[in-house]
Amino acid sequence: MGTWKKTDWRNKQRVQMPDYLDQDALNAVEARLSSYPPLVFAGEARRLKEQLGAASRGEAFLLQGGDCAESFEEFSADGIRDTFKVMLQMAMVLTYGAKVPVVKVGRMAGQFAKPRSAPTETIDGVELPSFRGDIINELAFTPEARIPQPEKMLRAYTQAAATLNLVRAFSTGGYADVHQVHQWTLGFTNAPEAEKYRELAVRISDTLDFMKAAGVNQETAHTLQSVDFYTSHEALLLEYEEALCRLDSTSGKWLAGSGHMIWIGDRTRQPDGAHVEFCRGVQNPIGLKCGPTTTADDLKVLMNKLNPENEAGRLTLIARFGAGSVGEHLPRLIKAVKEEGANVLWTCDAMHGNTIKSSTGFKTRPFESVLREVKEFFAVHNAEGTIPGGVHFEMTGSDVTECTGGVRAVTDEDLSSRYHTACDPRLNASQSLELAFLVSEELTARRTALQAASGQ
């Protein structure tokens, strides 16, 4: 890695990236971004890596969640607050089940670009380039809107900076107080349809194990009022990533200054491709999406490229197979990891393999399929003797109707009422919190089984 340069990706095959028409405009935007402050700092990325390392050993649990793709038009302080609030509630419930700290990583402050299954789309016989996220082009179906505009990177940076500023204030300014978070959760379980979760919610209030996992005692009572909260996104638009890449003077290593954790998508994980080349050279924790087409040989090459020093917490493997397919694909990848003796954190993306078209024509994800994939993920790890270290959800704190099911029973007919996503369907606040209760049950069952096996 000593000879790595942040421009090396430009000599590799590039996929899922736009071709900008005005090279001078692109150069000007990259130059401006290169002079801006980084959005995150090396010490924060190192701290996250340590916490993810703990999760890979079963000493913590990763909750990663947030928008499918952040929107310029939907951007608001209330939206950030609501998603942050739900993630805190989910983390509290998961902490109760796991009896270990929950590492909270948002899909925010950078999740602007989206890979697409096809470079173009056709509506009423008109074919135009696909929408690739607000950092690249626009959703409106017109030739002008679909032209990639480099200036959008500057707006993305500004929005990411504002998001981070608010999240940092929420994390340390008292909004994350554990008592307040629990009152929000009790409000959810007081609803008639969520009554089955009420007993667990009430038990959280006085469990000593939970307080111990949160690090609460007389000397550290401030931890009741603050949390560590990190940001993450898919490192898809490499011009943006390179412009925000900085040399850390403390360690002499490069940092992706765009977010604490970046990941490589299932469509951009070519071992000799541009995205792997960029990500291998930065010190941030790296995520790698692993889908059904991921081969054991490719995974071995990728693990060695992305984590040559085999650091704990450096590499998170994000499994995304679809409900009913986990048992077919996950064991062979676990075997490859074991054969390499690789340090990885396994987490479950139960969203991307479960997208369907509803009877009313909307793209959706059934809540039951999402839950089924999580359960299969846990079952395989329990059978393999490995550690299911986290979950990864596309979700929002808003009361949208994009995924069907859940205690409030969103139906196909309901989808049209509050379907706001520009790309993929997200769990709403109620569905997200319900899922946390159900994952907590899996964590509790796993902990109980491990204790019984060890004779405790």
Protein backbone atom coordinates (compact mmCIF):
# COMPACT_ATOMS: atom_id res chain seq x y z
CA MET A 1 0.00 0.00 0.00
CA GLY A 2 3.02 2.28 0.40
CA THR A 3 3.08 3.09 -3.32
CA TRP A 4 -0.68 3.67 -3.53
CA LYS A 5 -1.85 7.05 -4.80
CA LYS A 6 -5.39 8.36 -4.57
CA THR A 7 -5.46 8.79 -8.36
CA ASP A 8 -4.55 5.16 -9.13
CA TRP A 9 -8.20 4.19 -9.64
CA ARG A 10 -8.22 6.26 -12.83
CA ASN A 11 -6.07 3.61 -14.50
CA LYS A 12 -8.58 0.85 -13.70
CA GLN A 13 -11.87 -0.25 -15.22
CA ARG A 14 -14.67 2.06 -14.10
CA VAL A 15 -18.29 0.93 -13.87
CA GLN A 16 -21.51 2.52 -12.59
CA MET A 17 -20.01 5.99 -12.95
CA PRO A 18 -21.12 8.91 -15.14
CA ASP A 19 -19.34 10.29 -18.17
CA TYR A 20 -19.22 14.04 -17.65
CA LEU A 21 -19.58 16.06 -20.84
CA ASP A 22 -17.68 19.17 -19.66
CA GLN A 23 -14.20 18.15 -18.52
CA ASP A 24 -13.23 21.70 -17.57
CA ALA A 25 -16.25 22.02 -15.29
CA LEU A 26 -15.43 18.67 -13.69
CA ASN A 27 -11.82 19.71 -13.10
CA ALA A 28 -12.96 22.96 -11.48
CA VAL A 29 -15.34 21.15 -9.11
CA GLU A 30 -12.70 18.62 -8.12
CA ALA A 31 -10.22 21.43 -7.42
CA ARG A 32 -12.73 23.24 -5.19
CA LEU A 33 -13.60 20.07 -3.26
CA SER A 34 -9.92 19.32 -2.80
CA SER A 35 -9.53 22.63 -0.95
CA TYR A 36 -12.51 22.06 1.36
CA PRO A 37 -12.12 20.57 4.86
CA PRO A 38 -12.69 16.82 5.14
CA LEU A 39 -16.11 15.86 6.49
CA VAL A 40 -14.70 13.31 8.96
CA PHE A 41 -11.38 12.86 10.72
CA ALA A 42 -8.87 10.07 11.03
CA GLY A 43 -9.25 9.65 14.78
CA GLU A 44 -12.98 9.05 14.34
CA ALA A 45 -12.36 6.44 11.64
CA ARG A 46 -9.81 4.67 13.85
CA ARG A 47 -12.26 4.62 16.76
CA LEU A 48 -14.95 3.13 14.54
CA LYS A 49 -12.50 0.48 13.33
CA GLU A 50 -11.81 -0.53 16.93
CA GLN A 51 -15.54 -0.81 17.65
CA LEU A 52 -16.16 -2.85 14.50
CA GLY A 53 -13.30 -5.11 15.54
CA ALA A 54 -15.14 -5.69 18.81
CA ALA A 55 -18.29 -6.56 16.84
CA SER A 56 -16.34 -9.10 14.76
CA ARG A 57 -15.45 -10.88 18.05
CA GLY A 58 -19.03 -10.76 19.37
CA GLU A 59 -18.15 -8.03 21.87
CA ALA A 60 -20.39 -5.46 20.14
CA PHE A 61 -23.09 -5.43 17.45
CA LEU A 62 -23.33 -3.21 14.35
CA LEU A 63 -26.53 -1.36 13.45
CA GLN A 64 -26.16 0.32 10.05
CA GLY A 65 -29.17 2.09 8.61
CA GLY A 66 -30.56 5.06 6.79
CA ASP A 67 -31.61 6.30 3.37
CA CYS A 68 -31.46 4.35 0.15
CA ALA A 69 -30.30 7.57 -1.49
CA GLU A 70 -30.25 10.96 0.17
CA SER A 71 -32.29 13.59 -1.60
CA PHE A 72 -31.60 17.28 -2.13
CA GLU A 73 -35.32 18.10 -2.20
CA GLU A 74 -36.28 16.01 0.85
CA PHE A 75 -33.39 17.33 2.96
CA SER A 76 -34.51 18.79 6.30
CA ALA A 77 -33.48 19.00 9.93
CA ASP A 78 -36.64 17.11 10.91
CA GLY A 79 -35.79 14.25 8.55
CA ILE A 80 -32.29 13.87 9.99
CA ARG A 81 -33.65 14.05 13.54
CA ASP A 82 -36.34 11.45 12.92
CA THR A 83 -33.96 8.90 11.40
CA PHE A 84 -31.40 9.51 14.15
CA LYS A 85 -34.13 9.08 16.76
CA VAL A 86 -35.32 5.74 15.36
CA MET A 87 -31.76 4.43 15.14
CA LEU A 88 -31.23 5.27 18.82
CA GLN A 89 -34.42 3.39 19.70
CA MET A 90 -33.35 0.41 17.61
CA ALA A 91 -29.90 0.44 19.21
CA MET A 92 -31.37 0.41 22.70
CA VAL A 93 -33.57 -2.59 21.93
CA LEU A 94 -30.67 -4.44 20.27
CA THR A 95 -28.39 -3.70 23.22
CA TYR A 96 -30.94 -5.35 25.47
CA GLY A 97 -30.96 -8.50 23.36
CA ALA A 98 -27.22 -8.74 22.72
CA LYS A 99 -26.02 -7.47 26.13
CA VAL A 100 -23.14 -5.76 24.31
CA PRO A 101 -22.73 -2.20 23.00
CA VAL A 102 -24.33 -1.39 19.65
CA VAL A 103 -22.19 0.45 17.10
CA LYS A 104 -24.41 3.00 15.35
CA VAL A 105 -23.56 3.83 11.73
CA GLY A 106 -25.93 5.89 9.59
CA ARG A 107 -26.37 5.67 5.83
CA MET A 108 -26.22 9.44 5.68
CA ALA A 109 -24.07 12.52 4.98
CA GLY A 110 -22.82 11.00 1.74
CA GLN A 111 -25.28 8.40 0.41
CA PHE A 112 -26.12 10.37 -2.73
CA ALA A 113 -25.06 8.13 -5.63
CA LYS A 114 -26.80 4.92 -6.66
CA PRO A 115 -25.74 2.04 -8.93
CA ARG A 116 -28.38 1.04 -11.44
CA SER A 117 -29.24 -2.25 -13.09
CA ALA A 118 -29.31 -0.62 -16.54
CA PRO A 119 -27.61 2.51 -17.95
CA THR A 120 -30.85 3.75 -19.49
CA GLU A 121 -34.59 3.56 -18.85
CA THR A 122 -37.50 3.79 -21.27
CA ILE A 123 -40.89 5.40 -20.57
CA ASP A 124 -43.60 5.60 -23.24
CA GLY A 125 -41.05 4.77 -25.91
CA VAL A 126 -38.58 7.47 -24.79
CA GLU A 127 -35.14 6.21 -23.70
CA LEU A 128 -32.98 8.36 -21.40
CA PRO A 129 -29.98 7.77 -19.13
CA SER A 130 -30.91 6.32 -15.73
CA PHE A 131 -31.19 8.50 -12.64
CA ARG A 132 -28.01 7.89 -10.61
CA GLY A 133 -28.68 9.97 -7.52
CA ASP A 134 -28.80 13.68 -6.79
CA ILE A 135 -25.01 14.01 -6.69
CA ILE A 136 -24.92 13.09 -10.41
CA ASN A 137 -28.15 13.97 -12.23
CA GLU A 138 -31.86 14.62 -11.61
CA LEU A 139 -34.93 12.42 -11.24
CA ALA A 140 -37.08 14.34 -13.72
CA PHE A 141 -37.50 12.33 -16.93
CA THR A 142 -36.14 14.89 -19.38
CA PRO A 143 -32.95 14.86 -21.47
CA GLU A 144 -31.63 17.93 -19.64
CA ALA A 145 -32.26 16.52 -16.15
CA ARG A 146 -30.44 13.28 -16.90
CA ILE A 147 -27.19 14.96 -18.00
CA PRO A 148 -24.51 14.45 -15.29
CA GLN A 149 -23.63 17.80 -13.68
CA PRO A 150 -20.34 17.97 -11.73
CA GLU A 151 -21.54 21.01 -9.73
CA LYS A 152 -23.94 18.71 -7.90
CA MET A 153 -20.94 17.37 -5.96
CA LEU A 154 -20.59 20.77 -4.28
CA ARG A 155 -24.22 20.73 -3.15
CA ALA A 156 -23.78 17.16 -1.89
CA TYR A 157 -20.76 18.24 0.15
CA THR A 158 -22.68 21.16 1.67
CA GLN A 159 -25.63 18.94 2.59
CA ALA A 160 -23.33 16.27 4.04
CA ALA A 161 -21.55 18.89 6.16
CA ALA A 162 -24.87 20.23 7.46
CA THR A 163 -26.07 16.70 8.23
CA LEU A 164 -22.92 15.86 10.13
CA ASN A 165 -23.12 19.10 12.09
CA LEU A 166 -26.64 18.29 13.27
CA VAL A 167 -25.88 14.64 14.01
CA ARG A 168 -22.87 15.62 16.12
CA ALA A 169 -25.04 18.07 18.05
CA PHE A 170 -27.74 15.44 18.63
CA SER A 171 -25.12 12.88 19.71
CA THR A 172 -23.60 15.01 22.45
CA GLY A 173 -26.16 17.70 23.30
CA GLY A 174 -28.58 15.67 25.40
CA TYR A 175 -30.99 14.58 22.66
CA ALA A 176 -29.60 11.04 22.89
CA ASP A 177 -30.30 10.77 26.62
CA VAL A 178 -31.08 7.13 27.30
CA HIS A 179 -34.17 7.89 29.41
CA GLN A 180 -35.72 10.00 26.66
CA VAL A 181 -34.95 7.36 24.03
CA HIS A 182 -36.67 4.73 26.14
CA GLN A 183 -39.77 6.90 26.56
CA TRP A 184 -40.03 7.09 22.76
CA THR A 185 -39.85 3.31 22.58
CA LEU A 186 -42.53 2.89 25.24
CA GLY A 187 -44.71 5.16 23.13
CA PHE A 188 -44.38 2.72 20.22
CA THR A 189 -45.29 -0.29 22.36
CA ASN A 190 -48.32 1.48 23.86
CA ALA A 191 -50.00 1.28 20.47
CA PRO A 192 -52.51 -1.62 20.44
CA GLU A 193 -50.90 -3.32 17.44
CA ALA A 194 -47.46 -3.33 19.15
CA GLU A 195 -48.66 -4.64 22.50
CA LYS A 196 -46.69 -7.88 22.10
CA TYR A 197 -43.44 -5.92 22.48
CA ARG A 198 -44.51 -3.99 25.59
CA GLU A 199 -43.23 -6.46 28.18
CA LEU A 200 -39.76 -6.46 26.64
CA ALA A 201 -39.76 -2.66 26.48
CA VAL A 202 -40.68 -2.36 30.14
CA ARG A 203 -37.96 -4.83 31.13
CA ILE A 204 -35.36 -2.66 29.40
CA SER A 205 -36.02 0.06 31.94
CA ASP A 206 -34.53 -1.81 34.88
CA THR A 207 -32.18 -4.39 33.41
CA LEU A 208 -28.76 -4.25 34.97
CA ASP A 209 -27.24 -5.99 31.99
CA PHE A 210 -28.39 -3.20 29.73
CA MET A 211 -26.97 -0.53 32.02
CA LYS A 212 -23.67 -2.42 32.18
CA ALA A 213 -23.49 -2.74 28.38
CA ALA A 214 -24.13 1.01 28.06
CA GLY A 215 -21.17 1.61 30.38
CA VAL A 216 -23.23 3.35 33.04
CA ASN A 217 -21.90 3.70 36.56
CA GLN A 218 -21.27 6.53 38.98
CA GLU A 219 -18.00 7.50 37.29
CA THR A 220 -19.34 7.46 33.72
CA ALA A 221 -22.91 8.71 34.09
CA HIS A 222 -22.36 11.12 31.17
CA THR A 223 -22.76 8.13 28.86
CA LEU A 224 -26.47 8.29 29.61
CA GLN A 225 -26.67 11.49 27.59
CA SER A 226 -24.32 11.00 24.63
CA VAL A 227 -23.55 8.40 21.96
CA ASP A 228 -20.98 7.69 19.27
CA PHE A 229 -22.67 7.96 15.89
CA TYR A 230 -20.84 7.43 12.60
CA THR A 231 -21.65 8.00 8.93
CA SER A 232 -21.27 5.71 5.91
CA HIS A 233 -22.08 5.52 2.23
CA GLU A 234 -21.26 3.58 -0.91
CA ALA A 235 -18.06 4.99 -2.40
CA LEU A 236 -19.48 5.04 -5.91
CA LEU A 237 -18.58 8.44 -7.38
CA LEU A 238 -14.81 8.27 -7.22
CA GLU A 239 -14.16 11.83 -8.42
CA TYR A 240 -15.93 12.99 -5.23
CA GLU A 241 -14.11 10.44 -3.07
CA GLU A 242 -10.67 11.34 -4.43
CA ALA A 243 -11.27 15.07 -3.98
CA LEU A 244 -12.04 14.55 -0.27
CA CYS A 245 -9.20 12.07 0.32
CA ARG A 246 -6.62 13.46 2.76
CA LEU A 247 -3.24 12.39 4.14
CA ASP A 248 -3.46 11.91 7.90
CA SER A 249 -0.44 13.60 9.44
CA THR A 250 -0.66 11.47 12.60
CA SER A 251 -0.41 8.07 10.93
CA GLY A 252 0.91 8.93 7.48
CA LYS A 253 -2.03 7.03 5.99
CA TRP A 254 -4.69 8.24 3.58
CA LEU A 255 -8.23 8.90 4.81
CA ALA A 256 -11.44 8.97 2.78
CA GLY A 257 -12.66 12.25 4.22
CA SER A 258 -16.18 11.82 2.86
CA GLY A 259 -17.45 9.48 5.62
CA HIS A 260 -16.31 7.34 8.52
CA MET A 261 -17.05 4.06 6.71
CA ILE A 262 -17.32 3.52 2.96
CA TRP A 263 -18.45 0.41 1.16
CA ILE A 264 -18.09 -1.26 -2.22
CA GLY A 265 -21.34 -2.35 -3.85
CA ASP A 266 -22.22 -5.73 -5.31
CA ARG A 267 -21.99 -4.21 -8.82
CA THR A 268 -18.59 -2.52 -8.31
CA ARG A 269 -16.53 -5.18 -6.49
CA GLN A 270 -14.42 -6.24 -9.47
CA PRO A 271 -11.05 -7.26 -7.94
CA ASP A 272 -9.15 -5.26 -10.58
CA GLY A 273 -11.71 -2.47 -10.83
CA ALA A 274 -11.52 1.21 -9.94
CA HIS A 275 -13.62 1.03 -6.77
CA VAL A 276 -11.57 -1.71 -5.15
CA GLU A 277 -8.39 0.14 -6.14
CA PHE A 278 -9.51 3.33 -4.39
CA CYS A 279 -10.85 1.68 -1.26
CA ARG A 280 -7.82 -0.51 -0.68
CA GLY A 281 -5.63 2.56 -0.12
CA VAL A 282 -7.58 4.43 2.56
CA GLN A 283 -7.49 3.68 6.28
CA ASN A 284 -11.26 3.88 6.86
CA PRO A 285 -13.26 0.79 7.72
CA ILE A 286 -14.42 -0.72 4.42
CA GLY A 287 -17.64 -2.58 3.70
CA LEU A 288 -17.98 -5.13 0.90
CA LYS A 289 -21.41 -6.16 -0.37
CA CYS A 290 -21.54 -9.92 -1.02
CA GLY A 291 -24.38 -11.11 -3.26
CA PRO A 292 -25.30 -14.46 -4.82
CA THR A 293 -22.74 -14.05 -7.62
CA THR A 294 -19.81 -13.53 -5.24
CA THR A 295 -17.43 -16.45 -5.73
CA ALA A 296 -15.17 -17.87 -3.04
CA ASP A 297 -12.11 -17.15 -5.18
CA ASP A 298 -13.11 -13.53 -5.75
CA LEU A 299 -13.81 -13.08 -2.05
CA LYS A 300 -10.36 -14.39 -1.14
CA VAL A 301 -8.70 -11.98 -3.58
CA LEU A 302 -10.80 -9.08 -2.32
CA MET A 303 -10.09 -9.79 1.35
CA ASN A 304 -6.35 -9.83 0.66
CA LYS A 305 -6.52 -6.63 -1.38
CA LEU A 306 -8.75 -4.70 1.00
CA ASN A 307 -7.26 -5.94 4.26
CA PRO A 308 -3.69 -7.11 3.55
CA GLU A 309 -2.66 -6.70 7.20
CA ASN A 310 -5.74 -8.66 8.36
CA GLU A 311 -6.78 -5.95 10.81
CA ALA A 312 -9.84 -6.54 12.97
CA GLY A 313 -12.56 -4.02 12.13
CA ARG A 314 -11.07 -3.06 8.78
CA LEU A 315 -13.36 -5.18 6.58
CA THR A 316 -17.10 -5.74 6.98
CA LEU A 317 -18.72 -8.33 4.70
CA ILE A 318 -22.31 -7.25 4.06
CA ALA A 319 -24.31 -10.34 3.00
CA ARG A 320 -27.28 -9.64 0.69
CA PHE A 321 -28.75 -12.79 -0.83
CA GLY A 322 -32.54 -12.60 -0.46
CA ALA A 323 -34.85 -14.58 1.77
CA GLY A 324 -34.65 -18.29 0.96
CA SER A 325 -31.16 -18.02 -0.55
CA VAL A 326 -28.94 -17.42 2.48
CA GLY A 327 -28.42 -21.12 3.16
CA GLU A 328 -27.26 -21.64 -0.41
CA HIS A 329 -24.64 -18.88 -0.53
CA LEU A 330 -23.50 -17.80 2.93
CA PRO A 331 -21.89 -21.12 4.06
CA ARG A 332 -19.54 -21.24 1.06
CA LEU A 333 -18.38 -17.68 1.73
CA ILE A 334 -17.90 -18.42 5.42
CA LYS A 335 -15.76 -21.38 4.37
CA ALA A 336 -13.62 -19.10 2.19
CA VAL A 337 -13.10 -16.72 5.12
CA LYS A 338 -12.10 -19.60 7.39
CA GLU A 339 -9.67 -20.96 4.81
CA GLU A 340 -7.95 -17.58 4.61
CA GLY A 341 -7.98 -17.05 8.38
CA ALA A 342 -9.40 -13.62 7.62
CA ASN A 343 -10.54 -11.11 10.21
CA VAL A 344 -13.97 -9.93 9.03
CA LEU A 345 -17.19 -8.65 10.51
CA TRP A 346 -20.27 -10.39 9.09
CA THR A 347 -23.41 -8.29 8.79
CA CYS A 348 -26.77 -8.85 7.09
CA ASP A 349 -28.27 -6.53 4.48
CA ALA A 350 -31.78 -7.94 4.39
CA MET A 351 -33.11 -5.29 2.01
CA HIS A 352 -31.45 -5.55 -1.39
CA GLY A 353 -32.24 -9.19 -2.11
CA ASN A 354 -35.92 -8.81 -1.29
CA THR A 355 -37.18 -6.16 -3.72
CA ILE A 356 -40.33 -7.07 -5.64
CA LYS A 357 -42.98 -5.32 -7.72
CA SER A 358 -46.28 -5.01 -5.90
CA SER A 359 -49.67 -5.79 -7.40
CA THR A 360 -50.22 -2.03 -7.62
CA GLY A 361 -47.03 -1.50 -9.63
CA PHE A 362 -44.79 -0.07 -6.91
CA LYS A 363 -41.34 -1.44 -6.11
CA THR A 364 -41.54 -2.71 -2.53
CA ARG A 365 -40.00 -5.04 0.04
CA PRO A 366 -42.19 -7.25 2.23
CA PHE A 367 -41.39 -6.91 5.93
CA GLU A 368 -41.75 -10.69 6.32
CA SER A 369 -39.03 -11.31 3.70
CA VAL A 370 -36.65 -8.89 5.40
CA LEU A 371 -37.18 -10.63 8.73
CA ARG A 372 -36.82 -14.07 7.15
CA GLU A 373 -33.43 -13.20 5.68
CA VAL A 374 -32.21 -11.95 9.07
CA LYS A 375 -33.36 -15.18 10.72
CA GLU A 376 -31.62 -17.27 8.03
CA PHE A 377 -28.43 -15.21 8.51
CA PHE A 378 -28.43 -15.97 12.23
CA ALA A 379 -29.24 -19.64 11.67
CA VAL A 380 -26.32 -20.15 9.27
CA HIS A 381 -23.84 -18.46 11.59
CA ASN A 382 -25.09 -20.49 14.53
CA ALA A 383 -24.62 -23.67 12.51
CA GLU A 384 -21.15 -22.63 11.29
CA GLY A 385 -19.94 -21.49 14.70
CA THR A 386 -19.29 -17.98 13.41
CA ILE A 387 -20.47 -14.59 14.64
CA PRO A 388 -23.46 -12.71 13.15
CA GLY A 389 -22.09 -9.27 13.92
CA GLY A 390 -24.63 -6.80 12.62
CA VAL A 391 -27.59 -5.75 10.49
CA HIS A 392 -27.86 -3.24 7.64
CA PHE A 393 -31.23 -1.68 6.72
CA GLU A 394 -32.56 0.94 4.35
CA MET A 395 -34.91 2.89 6.61
CA THR A 396 -36.23 6.29 7.48
CA GLY A 397 -37.70 7.95 10.53
CA SER A 398 -40.56 9.24 8.41
CA ASP A 399 -44.00 7.62 8.25
CA VAL A 400 -43.66 6.44 4.66
CA THR A 401 -45.49 3.55 3.00
CA GLU A 402 -42.81 1.88 0.88
CA CYS A 403 -42.39 -1.59 2.41
CA THR A 404 -45.42 -3.80 3.03
CA GLY A 405 -46.26 -5.59 6.27
CA GLY A 406 -45.32 -4.93 9.89
CA VAL A 407 -47.60 -4.46 12.87
CA ARG A 408 -49.38 -1.59 11.12
CA ALA A 409 -49.94 -3.90 8.15
CA VAL A 410 -49.01 -1.73 5.17
CA THR A 411 -50.69 -3.31 2.12
CA ASP A 412 -50.03 -3.05 -1.61
CA GLU A 413 -52.95 -0.63 -1.80
CA ASP A 414 -51.38 1.60 0.89
CA LEU A 415 -48.09 2.09 -0.99
CA SER A 416 -49.32 5.02 -3.07
CA SER A 417 -50.29 7.16 -0.07
CA ARG A 418 -46.77 8.07 1.17
CA TYR A 419 -44.29 6.58 -1.31
CA HIS A 420 -41.49 9.16 -1.27
CA THR A 421 -38.27 7.32 -2.14
CA ALA A 422 -36.46 8.25 -5.35
CA CYS A 423 -34.82 4.82 -5.60
CA ASP A 424 -35.47 1.83 -3.34
CA PRO A 425 -38.24 1.28 -0.75
CA ARG A 426 -37.34 1.95 2.90
CA LEU A 427 -38.68 0.65 6.19
CA ASN A 428 -40.65 3.32 8.02
CA ALA A 429 -40.15 4.23 11.68
CA SER A 430 -42.63 1.66 13.01
CA GLN A 431 -41.30 -1.16 10.83
CA SER A 432 -37.70 -0.33 11.76
CA LEU A 433 -38.38 -0.43 15.48
CA GLU A 434 -40.45 -3.61 15.19
CA LEU A 435 -37.59 -5.24 13.31
CA ALA A 436 -35.22 -4.23 16.11
CA PHE A 437 -37.44 -6.03 18.63
CA LEU A 438 -37.46 -9.16 16.47
CA VAL A 439 -33.67 -9.07 15.90
CA SER A 440 -33.28 -8.57 19.64
CA GLU A 441 -35.13 -11.85 20.15
CA GLU A 442 -32.61 -13.56 17.83
CA LEU A 443 -29.72 -12.06 19.79
CA THR A 444 -31.24 -13.15 23.09
CA ALA A 445 -31.76 -16.71 21.82
CA ARG A 446 -28.18 -16.85 20.54
CA ARG A 447 -26.77 -15.56 23.82
CA THR A 448 -28.82 -18.08 25.79
CA ALA A 449 -27.66 -20.94 23.57
CA LEU A 450 -23.99 -19.92 23.89
CA GLN A 451 -24.30 -19.70 27.66
CA ALA A 452 -25.90 -23.15 27.81
CA ALA A 453 -23.18 -24.62 25.58
CA SER A 454 -20.47 -23.19 27.80
CA GLY A 455 -22.18 -24.41 30.97
CA GLN A 456 -22.78 -20.95 32.38
